[in-house]
Amino acid sequence: MSIHEECGVLGIYAAEPVNAAEIAYYGLYALQHRGQEGCGITVNDDGVFTSYKDIGLVNEVFSKERLSSFPRGCMAVAHTRYSTTGGNRRSNCQPIVVNHQKGSLAIAHNGNLSNAEKLRSELELSGAIFHTSSDTEIIAHVVTRERLRKQAIEEAVSSTMDLIEGAYSMILMSPQKVICARDPFGFRPLCYGKTEDEIYVIASESCALKSVGAEFIRDVDPGEILVFSKNGIESMRGHCNTKERRLCVFEYIYFARPDSVIDGISVHKSRIETGRILAKSHPVNADIVVGVPDSGLDAALGYSYESGIPYQIGLIKNKYIGRTFISPEGRLDQVRIKLSAIEEVIRNRRVVLVDDSIVRGTTSGRIVRLLREAGALEVHMRVSAPQFLYPCYYGTDIDSKENLIACKMDNNEIARHIGADSLGYLPIHALDILSEGRGCCQACFDGSYPTKTFPDMGRDRFERHLSDK
């Protein structure tokens, strides 16, 4: 068990046909950090949907020839996936495309539904047939059912939001419109912008807007539905301000790219602040501060700024390891292949090692060992998140206490287990500082779940449905 990237969603709307697939491709490239198991693009050419998706990184799935096979179109929806709920198979890749009596629908979704088991059971009893084990197909079924009852697709989306619970930032495409929606808690980020050519781009993070030349306009508000059509942009706010804002705090700590701005807060700035807080709350006499690439680097800088201890690049990440990397067997250590220590930096130094989290402690122990073998005199572990004590049911790949080391050991025991001379976590009260008092979900740290929870909410809860068929 470990922390993994979230999914990334992207949508495009233009008044005239454009090379929508190519724009989506570069947008997905900027969102690759949010999901490295699969991806897909669906283009709308005057109501005709052309779709392709597969397991793999963006550049593995979409060759130049594959992209050129897409028609030009006014609309597109795209997705890059990490399998939170549902296994890593092609059928679970998105977007999901549905053909129904009133037309076609494509949907891409980031997050997990907390009432997914209940909804799926009800849908199956009413005759619905499922081909995947993901929450997204549940949303697709509900939207389709509501669409058959409503005059417009946006009304169907609004009715769906009355029924689904949990985390969802989603983009839907009908023959005439692109609709995006964010759950009333705002668990997952969503924003939109516009290019100089009047192309609207909706994305999980602002970094994707920049990558395709779109200027950021604003975040989609929690509970808001935005409709992009030939009539312009319509905002539907019936679900806004019905819940307290609960953006996942791990977007700031780990998930998002440092150059993104989420709900008005710079991710880079928030990570620098975690490092400053760590230096104040867990000071130590040391010679250098080293961050674990990539998400520990900004926090390490913050620790250095506050403590005055010099920051050094002491760990190098192999950036060419992707999904196709074959995990080693036997004596070969996967961490050694992904990371290496610079001995000239580490040797005979007392090191403050900063990382974003400790889940079960295995990886942390191996990184500490790398530094020891490189000649570190001392290794003081500092973590830019509090202790993981509870499962997350909203999209983070932590669905059980079973392997959470902080549920089994105190800090001193964990330090000994991973081989560190000392260990310090981010104080939980500091999370309010990161969100600038706007409210974040921190249930994985304190057990305060914003929604009702159910006994069977694990990430593979629907796998048995497929295995029984």
Protein backbone atom coordinates (compact mmCIF):
# COMPACT_ATOMS: atom_id res chain seq x y z
CA MET A 1 0.00 0.00 0.00
CA SER A 2 1.23 3.47 -0.88
CA ILE A 3 0.00 6.90 -1.81
CA HIS A 4 -0.76 7.14 -5.50
CA GLU A 5 -1.69 9.87 -7.90
CA GLU A 6 -5.28 10.81 -8.44
CA CYS A 7 -7.04 10.78 -11.81
CA GLY A 8 -6.97 13.76 -14.16
CA VAL A 9 -9.89 15.01 -16.28
CA LEU A 10 -9.88 17.37 -19.25
CA GLY A 11 -12.57 18.88 -21.47
CA ILE A 12 -12.52 21.07 -24.60
CA TYR A 13 -15.20 23.25 -26.16
CA ALA A 14 -14.79 25.41 -29.27
CA ALA A 15 -17.25 27.22 -31.50
CA GLU A 16 -15.61 25.82 -34.66
CA PRO A 17 -13.90 22.45 -35.30
CA VAL A 18 -10.33 22.26 -34.02
CA ASN A 19 -7.69 19.58 -33.60
CA ALA A 20 -9.33 18.62 -30.30
CA ALA A 21 -7.46 15.33 -29.88
CA GLU A 22 -4.07 17.03 -30.09
CA ILE A 23 -5.09 19.68 -27.55
CA ALA A 24 -6.39 16.96 -25.25
CA TYR A 25 -3.15 15.00 -25.67
CA TYR A 26 -0.98 17.86 -24.47
CA GLY A 27 -3.40 18.62 -21.67
CA LEU A 28 -3.24 15.01 -20.50
CA TYR A 29 0.54 15.16 -20.65
CA ALA A 30 0.43 17.95 -18.07
CA LEU A 31 -1.90 15.82 -15.92
CA GLN A 32 0.18 12.63 -16.24
CA HIS A 33 1.28 12.92 -12.60
CA ARG A 34 -2.34 12.32 -11.53
CA GLY A 35 -2.59 8.91 -13.17
CA GLN A 36 -0.11 6.63 -14.91
CA GLU A 37 -2.08 3.44 -15.48
CA GLY A 38 -4.34 4.35 -18.38
CA CYS A 39 -5.75 7.20 -20.43
CA GLY A 40 -8.27 8.02 -23.12
CA ILE A 41 -9.66 10.71 -25.43
CA THR A 42 -13.13 11.06 -26.97
CA VAL A 43 -13.72 13.66 -29.71
CA ASN A 44 -17.13 14.93 -30.79
CA ASP A 45 -17.37 15.62 -34.53
CA ASP A 46 -20.85 17.07 -35.11
CA GLY A 47 -22.47 14.55 -32.79
CA VAL A 48 -20.34 11.57 -33.85
CA PHE A 49 -18.05 10.35 -31.05
CA THR A 50 -14.61 8.93 -31.83
CA SER A 51 -12.91 7.39 -28.81
CA TYR A 52 -9.71 5.57 -27.96
CA LYS A 53 -8.38 4.47 -24.57
CA ASP A 54 -5.91 1.94 -23.24
CA ILE A 55 -3.62 1.01 -20.38
CA GLY A 56 -0.37 2.97 -20.40
CA LEU A 57 1.18 6.41 -20.23
CA VAL A 58 -0.13 9.17 -22.49
CA ASN A 59 2.75 8.89 -24.97
CA GLU A 60 2.45 5.09 -24.99
CA VAL A 61 -1.26 5.04 -25.75
CA PHE A 62 -1.34 7.93 -28.25
CA SER A 63 1.18 7.70 -31.04
CA LYS A 64 1.30 10.32 -33.79
CA GLU A 65 -0.62 7.95 -36.04
CA ARG A 66 -3.27 7.33 -33.40
CA LEU A 67 -3.80 11.06 -32.85
CA SER A 68 -4.05 11.71 -36.58
CA SER A 69 -6.86 9.15 -36.81
CA PHE A 70 -9.15 11.41 -34.77
CA PRO A 71 -11.38 13.82 -36.71
CA ARG A 72 -11.41 17.52 -36.01
CA GLY A 73 -14.19 18.45 -33.64
CA CYS A 74 -15.65 21.21 -31.51
CA MET A 75 -15.59 19.17 -28.32
CA ALA A 76 -13.54 16.55 -26.52
CA VAL A 77 -13.25 14.92 -23.12
CA ALA A 78 -10.14 13.12 -21.87
CA HIS A 79 -8.86 11.28 -18.82
CA THR A 80 -5.68 9.92 -17.28
CA ARG A 81 -6.21 7.26 -14.67
CA TYR A 82 -4.91 5.76 -11.49
CA SER A 83 -7.14 2.88 -10.40
CA THR A 84 -8.61 3.93 -7.05
CA THR A 85 -11.83 1.92 -7.36
CA GLY A 86 -11.62 -0.83 -9.95
CA GLY A 87 -8.70 -2.86 -11.23
CA ASN A 88 -6.13 -1.87 -13.81
CA ARG A 89 -7.75 -3.12 -17.00
CA ARG A 90 -8.59 -1.48 -20.31
CA SER A 91 -12.35 -1.63 -19.68
CA ASN A 92 -11.89 0.58 -16.62
CA CYS A 93 -10.09 3.27 -18.59
CA GLN A 94 -12.00 6.44 -19.36
CA PRO A 95 -13.80 8.30 -20.86
CA ILE A 96 -16.81 5.99 -20.71
CA VAL A 97 -19.08 6.38 -23.75
CA VAL A 98 -22.80 5.55 -23.55
CA ASN A 99 -25.28 5.47 -26.42
CA HIS A 100 -28.91 5.91 -25.38
CA GLN A 101 -32.30 6.83 -26.82
CA LYS A 102 -31.60 10.58 -26.77
CA GLY A 103 -28.08 10.44 -28.15
CA SER A 104 -24.58 9.76 -26.86
CA LEU A 105 -22.75 10.63 -23.66
CA ALA A 106 -19.04 10.57 -22.76
CA ILE A 107 -17.92 10.99 -19.17
CA ALA A 108 -14.59 11.34 -17.34
CA HIS A 109 -14.50 11.40 -13.55
CA ASN A 110 -12.00 11.98 -10.76
CA GLY A 111 -12.85 10.76 -7.25
CA ASN A 112 -14.75 8.01 -5.45
CA LEU A 113 -18.42 7.80 -4.51
CA SER A 114 -19.11 6.93 -0.88
CA ASN A 115 -22.54 5.44 -1.71
CA ALA A 116 -21.36 3.55 -4.81
CA GLU A 117 -22.18 0.08 -3.46
CA LYS A 118 -25.76 1.08 -2.66
CA LEU A 119 -26.28 2.78 -6.02
CA ARG A 120 -24.81 -0.09 -8.01
CA SER A 121 -27.00 -2.63 -6.22
CA GLU A 122 -30.12 -0.58 -6.94
CA LEU A 123 -29.16 -0.15 -10.60
CA GLU A 124 -28.44 -3.85 -11.09
CA LEU A 125 -31.76 -4.81 -9.50
CA SER A 126 -33.48 -2.50 -11.99
CA GLY A 127 -31.79 -4.24 -14.92
CA ALA A 128 -28.61 -2.21 -15.44
CA ILE A 129 -25.64 -4.15 -16.81
CA PHE A 130 -22.11 -3.16 -15.80
CA HIS A 131 -18.99 -3.78 -17.85
CA THR A 132 -16.44 -2.18 -15.50
CA SER A 133 -15.68 -2.11 -11.79
CA SER A 134 -15.33 1.68 -11.54
CA ASP A 135 -17.53 4.29 -9.89
CA THR A 136 -17.63 6.23 -13.15
CA GLU A 137 -19.91 3.69 -14.81
CA ILE A 138 -22.35 4.10 -11.93
CA ILE A 139 -22.45 7.85 -12.60
CA ALA A 140 -22.92 7.16 -16.32
CA HIS A 141 -25.89 4.90 -15.60
CA VAL A 142 -27.54 7.42 -13.28
CA VAL A 143 -26.99 10.34 -15.67
CA THR A 144 -28.39 8.29 -18.58
CA ARG A 145 -31.47 7.29 -16.60
CA GLU A 146 -32.07 10.88 -15.54
CA ARG A 147 -31.46 12.12 -19.08
CA LEU A 148 -34.35 9.99 -20.35
CA ARG A 149 -36.59 11.79 -17.84
CA LYS A 150 -35.31 15.34 -18.37
CA GLN A 151 -35.43 17.85 -21.19
CA ALA A 152 -31.73 18.72 -21.09
CA ILE A 153 -28.46 16.98 -20.18
CA GLU A 154 -27.61 19.62 -17.57
CA GLU A 155 -30.89 18.90 -15.78
CA ALA A 156 -29.94 15.22 -15.74
CA VAL A 157 -26.56 16.07 -14.22
CA SER A 158 -28.24 18.18 -11.54
CA SER A 159 -30.64 15.34 -10.69
CA THR A 160 -27.71 12.94 -10.56
CA MET A 161 -25.96 15.16 -8.03
CA ASP A 162 -29.01 14.76 -5.78
CA LEU A 163 -28.37 11.01 -5.72
CA ILE A 164 -24.60 10.48 -5.69
CA GLU A 165 -22.43 11.14 -2.64
CA GLY A 166 -18.71 11.50 -2.19
CA ALA A 167 -15.93 12.89 -4.34
CA TYR A 168 -16.41 13.76 -7.97
CA SER A 169 -15.03 16.29 -10.37
CA MET A 170 -16.40 15.22 -13.72
CA ILE A 171 -16.68 16.32 -17.32
CA LEU A 172 -19.48 15.09 -19.54
CA MET A 173 -19.99 15.53 -23.27
CA SER A 174 -23.28 15.28 -25.13
CA PRO A 175 -23.71 15.79 -28.89
CA GLN A 176 -24.18 19.56 -28.34
CA LYS A 177 -22.64 20.46 -24.98
CA VAL A 178 -19.74 19.97 -22.59
CA ILE A 179 -20.79 19.96 -18.93
CA CYS A 180 -18.49 19.94 -15.92
CA ALA A 181 -19.51 19.47 -12.29
CA ARG A 182 -17.79 19.45 -8.93
CA ASP A 183 -19.25 17.80 -5.85
CA PRO A 184 -20.72 20.09 -3.14
CA PHE A 185 -17.78 19.41 -0.79
CA GLY A 186 -15.24 20.24 -3.49
CA PHE A 187 -13.12 17.18 -2.65
CA ARG A 188 -11.29 17.23 -5.98
CA PRO A 189 -10.11 20.27 -7.95
CA LEU A 190 -11.53 21.52 -11.23
CA CYS A 191 -10.95 24.75 -13.16
CA TYR A 192 -11.29 26.24 -16.61
CA GLY A 193 -9.66 28.74 -18.93
CA LYS A 194 -9.65 29.99 -22.51
CA THR A 195 -7.07 30.19 -25.29
CA GLU A 196 -6.49 33.15 -27.61
CA ASP A 197 -8.43 31.19 -30.23
CA GLU A 198 -11.53 31.17 -28.00
CA ILE A 199 -11.17 27.48 -27.10
CA TYR A 200 -12.43 26.69 -23.61
CA VAL A 201 -10.44 24.14 -21.64
CA ILE A 202 -11.62 22.49 -18.41
CA ALA A 203 -9.07 20.56 -16.34
CA SER A 204 -8.29 19.07 -12.96
CA GLU A 205 -5.39 21.49 -12.50
CA SER A 206 -4.36 24.88 -13.83
CA CYS A 207 -1.02 23.46 -15.04
CA ALA A 208 -2.93 21.68 -17.84
CA LEU A 209 -4.44 24.97 -18.97
CA LYS A 210 -1.02 26.54 -19.30
CA SER A 211 0.31 23.60 -21.25
CA VAL A 212 -2.21 24.19 -24.07
CA GLY A 213 -1.96 27.97 -24.02
CA ALA A 214 -5.18 28.63 -22.13
CA GLU A 215 -5.43 31.47 -19.65
CA PHE A 216 -6.85 30.48 -16.29
CA ILE A 217 -10.29 32.01 -15.67
CA ARG A 218 -11.38 30.49 -12.37
CA ASP A 219 -11.98 27.34 -10.34
CA VAL A 220 -15.30 25.56 -10.62
CA ASP A 221 -16.98 26.13 -7.26
CA PRO A 222 -17.98 23.17 -5.07
CA GLY A 223 -21.47 22.07 -6.16
CA GLU A 224 -21.37 24.10 -9.38
CA ILE A 225 -22.36 22.84 -12.81
CA LEU A 226 -20.97 24.67 -15.86
CA VAL A 227 -22.54 24.18 -19.29
CA PHE A 228 -20.49 25.05 -22.40
CA SER A 229 -22.61 25.32 -25.55
CA LYS A 230 -23.30 27.52 -28.58
CA ASN A 231 -25.23 29.77 -26.17
CA GLY A 232 -22.07 30.49 -24.16
CA ILE A 233 -21.34 29.40 -20.59
CA GLU A 234 -24.14 28.80 -18.11
CA SER A 235 -23.50 28.37 -14.38
CA MET A 236 -25.96 26.29 -12.36
CA ARG A 237 -25.47 26.82 -8.63
CA GLY A 238 -28.33 24.90 -7.05
CA HIS A 239 -25.92 22.58 -5.22
CA CYS A 240 -23.48 25.30 -4.17
CA ASN A 241 -23.14 26.17 -0.47
CA THR A 242 -25.10 23.08 0.56
CA LYS A 243 -22.02 21.50 2.22
CA GLU A 244 -18.93 22.79 3.98
CA ARG A 245 -15.91 23.01 1.67
CA ARG A 246 -13.69 19.94 2.02
CA LEU A 247 -10.97 19.92 -0.63
CA CYS A 248 -8.66 16.95 -0.08
CA VAL A 249 -5.67 18.41 1.76
CA PHE A 250 -3.42 15.92 0.01
CA GLU A 251 -3.91 17.88 -3.21
CA TYR A 252 -1.64 20.49 -1.62
CA ILE A 253 0.68 18.03 0.09
CA TYR A 254 1.17 15.52 -2.72
CA PHE A 255 -1.27 15.05 -5.61
CA ALA A 256 -1.12 18.35 -7.50
CA ARG A 257 1.78 19.65 -9.54
CA PRO A 258 3.73 22.43 -7.78
CA ASP A 259 2.99 24.96 -10.52
CA SER A 260 -0.78 24.55 -10.11
CA VAL A 261 -3.04 26.91 -8.18
CA ILE A 262 -6.04 25.23 -6.55
CA ASP A 263 -8.93 27.23 -5.12
CA GLY A 264 -6.72 30.31 -5.17
CA ILE A 265 -3.84 28.71 -3.26
CA SER A 266 -0.43 28.02 -4.81
CA VAL A 267 0.56 24.37 -4.38
CA HIS A 268 4.24 25.33 -4.34
CA LYS A 269 3.66 27.93 -1.66
CA SER A 270 1.65 25.55 0.51
CA ARG A 271 4.40 22.92 0.37
CA ILE A 272 7.05 25.48 1.26
CA GLU A 273 4.87 26.36 4.26
CA THR A 274 4.69 22.72 5.41
CA GLY A 275 8.49 22.65 5.46
CA ARG A 276 8.63 25.84 7.50
CA ILE A 277 6.15 24.42 10.00
CA LEU A 278 8.15 21.18 10.23
CA ALA A 279 11.31 23.14 10.99
CA LYS A 280 9.55 25.03 13.78
CA SER A 281 7.82 22.00 15.28
CA HIS A 282 10.64 19.47 14.83
CA PRO A 283 14.02 21.27 14.85
CA VAL A 284 17.26 19.31 14.75
CA ASN A 285 20.99 19.98 14.47
CA ALA A 286 22.00 18.86 11.00
CA ASP A 287 24.28 19.75 8.09
CA ILE A 288 21.96 19.51 5.07
CA VAL A 289 18.29 19.18 4.12
CA VAL A 290 17.41 16.70 1.36
CA GLY A 291 13.97 16.23 -0.22
CA VAL A 292 12.61 12.99 -1.65
CA PRO A 293 11.75 13.60 -5.33
CA ASP A 294 9.36 14.92 -6.37
CA SER A 295 6.72 15.93 -3.85
CA GLY A 296 9.16 16.27 -0.94
CA LEU A 297 11.35 18.86 -2.65
CA ASP A 298 9.31 22.00 -1.95
CA ALA A 299 8.78 21.05 1.69
CA ALA A 300 12.52 20.44 2.02
CA LEU A 301 13.15 23.95 0.69
CA GLY A 302 10.75 25.34 3.28
CA TYR A 303 12.53 23.44 6.04
CA SER A 304 15.83 24.86 4.84
CA TYR A 305 14.50 28.43 4.64
CA GLU A 306 13.14 28.31 8.19
CA SER A 307 15.98 26.37 9.86
CA GLY A 308 18.90 27.94 8.02
CA ILE A 309 20.26 24.46 7.26
CA PRO A 310 21.50 24.35 3.64
CA TYR A 311 19.32 22.60 1.09
CA GLN A 312 21.09 20.07 -1.14
CA ILE A 313 20.06 17.80 -3.98
CA GLY A 314 21.01 14.49 -2.41
CA LEU A 315 18.64 12.08 -4.16
CA ILE A 316 18.24 11.66 -7.91
CA LYS A 317 15.10 10.14 -9.42
CA ASN A 318 15.12 8.00 -12.54
CA LYS A 319 12.51 9.87 -14.58
CA TYR A 320 12.29 7.22 -17.29
CA ILE A 321 10.47 4.63 -15.21
CA GLY A 322 6.83 4.47 -16.20
CA ARG A 323 4.03 1.93 -16.21
CA THR A 324 6.05 -0.55 -18.27
CA PHE A 325 8.75 -0.77 -15.59
CA ILE A 326 9.12 -4.44 -14.60
CA SER A 327 9.26 -4.70 -10.82
CA PRO A 328 12.44 -6.54 -9.79
CA GLU A 329 12.39 -9.88 -8.05
CA GLY A 330 14.66 -11.38 -5.45
CA ARG A 331 17.50 -9.24 -4.12
CA LEU A 332 16.97 -6.28 -6.45
CA ASP A 333 15.46 -3.27 -4.66
CA GLN A 334 12.90 -1.26 -6.63
CA VAL A 335 13.77 1.89 -4.65
CA ARG A 336 17.43 1.59 -5.71
CA ILE A 337 16.37 1.52 -9.34
CA LYS A 338 14.08 4.53 -8.97
CA LEU A 339 16.31 6.59 -6.65
CA SER A 340 20.02 6.98 -6.11
CA ALA A 341 21.97 9.00 -3.53
CA ILE A 342 24.75 11.44 -4.44
CA GLU A 343 27.57 10.29 -2.18
CA GLU A 344 29.55 13.53 -2.49
CA VAL A 345 26.59 15.37 -0.97
CA ILE A 346 25.60 12.81 1.68
CA ARG A 347 28.95 11.46 2.94
CA ASN A 348 29.85 12.48 6.52
CA ARG A 349 26.77 14.73 6.81
CA ARG A 350 23.88 14.83 9.25
CA VAL A 351 20.86 14.77 6.96
CA VAL A 352 17.30 16.02 7.38
CA LEU A 353 15.29 13.87 4.97
CA VAL A 354 11.91 15.37 3.98
CA ASP A 355 9.14 13.32 2.35
CA ASP A 356 5.41 13.81 1.86
CA SER A 357 4.15 10.78 3.81
CA ILE A 358 4.82 7.45 5.48
CA VAL A 359 2.22 4.76 4.81
CA ARG A 360 3.58 1.38 5.84
CA GLY A 361 7.21 2.44 6.22
CA THR A 362 8.80 0.08 3.69
CA THR A 363 9.80 2.72 1.14
CA SER A 364 10.92 5.17 3.82
CA GLY A 365 13.15 2.52 5.34
CA ARG A 366 14.78 1.81 2.00
CA ILE A 367 15.44 5.50 1.33
CA VAL A 368 16.99 5.93 4.77
CA ARG A 369 19.17 2.92 4.02
CA LEU A 370 20.30 4.52 0.73
CA LEU A 371 21.50 7.56 2.66
CA ARG A 372 23.27 5.44 5.27
CA GLU A 373 25.07 3.51 2.56
CA ALA A 374 26.06 6.81 0.93
CA GLY A 375 27.83 7.75 4.17
CA ALA A 376 25.25 9.78 6.12
CA LEU A 377 26.25 10.19 9.76
CA GLU A 378 22.65 10.77 10.88
CA VAL A 379 19.27 10.70 9.12
CA HIS A 380 16.39 12.70 10.61
CA MET A 381 13.10 11.97 8.88
CA ARG A 382 10.57 14.80 8.54
CA VAL A 383 7.14 14.22 6.98
CA SER A 384 5.06 17.02 5.43
CA ALA A 385 1.79 15.32 6.42
CA PRO A 386 0.38 14.07 9.73
CA GLN A 387 0.24 10.35 10.56
CA PHE A 388 -2.12 8.26 8.41
CA LEU A 389 -4.51 6.66 10.90
CA TYR A 390 -7.73 6.10 8.93
CA PRO A 391 -8.78 4.85 5.48
CA CYS A 392 -9.72 7.30 2.74
CA TYR A 393 -12.94 6.68 0.81
CA TYR A 394 -12.74 9.62 -1.59
CA GLY A 395 -10.06 8.57 -4.05
CA THR A 396 -6.74 8.19 -2.22
CA ASP A 397 -5.45 4.62 -2.39
CA ILE A 398 -5.68 3.99 1.36
CA ASP A 399 -8.80 1.93 2.04
CA SER A 400 -7.72 -0.06 5.10
CA LYS A 401 -5.91 0.39 8.43
CA GLU A 402 -4.24 -2.95 7.94
CA ASN A 403 -0.94 -1.66 6.56
CA LEU A 404 -0.83 1.79 8.15
CA ILE A 405 2.30 1.77 10.26
CA ALA A 406 1.11 4.67 12.44
CA CYS A 407 -1.79 2.47 13.60
CA LYS A 408 0.69 -0.06 14.98
CA MET A 409 3.65 1.96 16.28
CA ASP A 410 4.36 5.27 17.97
CA ASN A 411 6.80 7.76 16.47
CA ASN A 412 9.87 6.40 18.24
CA GLU A 413 9.05 2.86 17.14
CA ILE A 414 8.51 3.98 13.56
CA ALA A 415 11.84 5.82 13.59
CA ARG A 416 13.61 2.66 14.72
CA HIS A 417 11.69 0.60 12.17
CA ILE A 418 12.78 2.76 9.22
CA GLY A 419 16.30 3.27 10.59
CA ALA A 420 16.05 7.01 11.22
CA ASP A 421 17.68 8.84 14.13
CA SER A 422 14.51 10.87 14.68
CA LEU A 423 11.07 11.32 13.14
CA GLY A 424 8.73 14.30 12.99
CA TYR A 425 5.32 14.66 11.34
CA LEU A 426 3.43 17.78 10.33
CA PRO A 427 1.16 18.77 13.24
CA ILE A 428 -2.47 18.20 12.30
CA HIS A 429 -3.45 21.75 13.30
CA ALA A 430 -1.18 23.03 10.51
CA LEU A 431 -3.60 21.74 7.87
CA ASP A 432 -5.83 24.76 8.46
CA ILE A 433 -2.87 26.96 7.58
CA LEU A 434 -2.38 25.14 4.27
CA SER A 435 -5.99 25.69 3.24
CA GLU A 436 -5.89 29.27 4.53
CA GLY A 437 -8.87 28.49 6.74
CA ARG A 438 -11.15 27.52 3.83
CA GLY A 439 -11.69 23.96 5.04
CA CYS A 440 -10.13 20.72 3.86
CA CYS A 441 -10.88 17.04 4.19
CA GLN A 442 -8.41 15.46 6.60
CA ALA A 443 -10.37 12.29 7.41
CA CYS A 444 -7.34 10.05 6.73
CA PHE A 445 -5.62 11.81 9.63
CA ASP A 446 -8.44 12.36 12.15
CA GLY A 447 -11.29 10.06 11.07
CA SER A 448 -13.79 12.92 10.59
CA TYR A 449 -15.52 11.81 7.39
CA PRO A 450 -17.65 14.47 5.68
CA THR A 451 -20.07 11.87 4.28
CA LYS A 452 -21.70 8.74 5.62
CA THR A 453 -19.44 5.70 5.39
CA PHE A 454 -20.41 2.10 4.71
CA PRO A 455 -18.82 -1.24 5.72
CA ASP A 456 -17.64 -2.22 2.23
CA MET A 457 -15.98 0.82 0.65
CA GLY A 458 -12.66 -0.69 -0.41
CA ARG A 459 -11.01 0.14 -3.72
CA ASP A 460 -11.71 -3.35 -5.14
CA ARG A 461 -15.28 -3.58 -3.86
CA PHE A 462 -16.71 -4.25 -7.33
CA GLU A 463 -14.07 -6.70 -8.56
CA ARG A 464 -16.13 -9.66 -7.34
CA HIS A 465 -19.02 -8.53 -9.55
CA LEU A 466 -16.85 -9.05 -12.62
CA SER A 467 -15.17 -12.23 -11.41
CA ASP A 468 -18.58 -13.84 -10.85
CA LYS A 469 -19.62 -13.26 -14.46
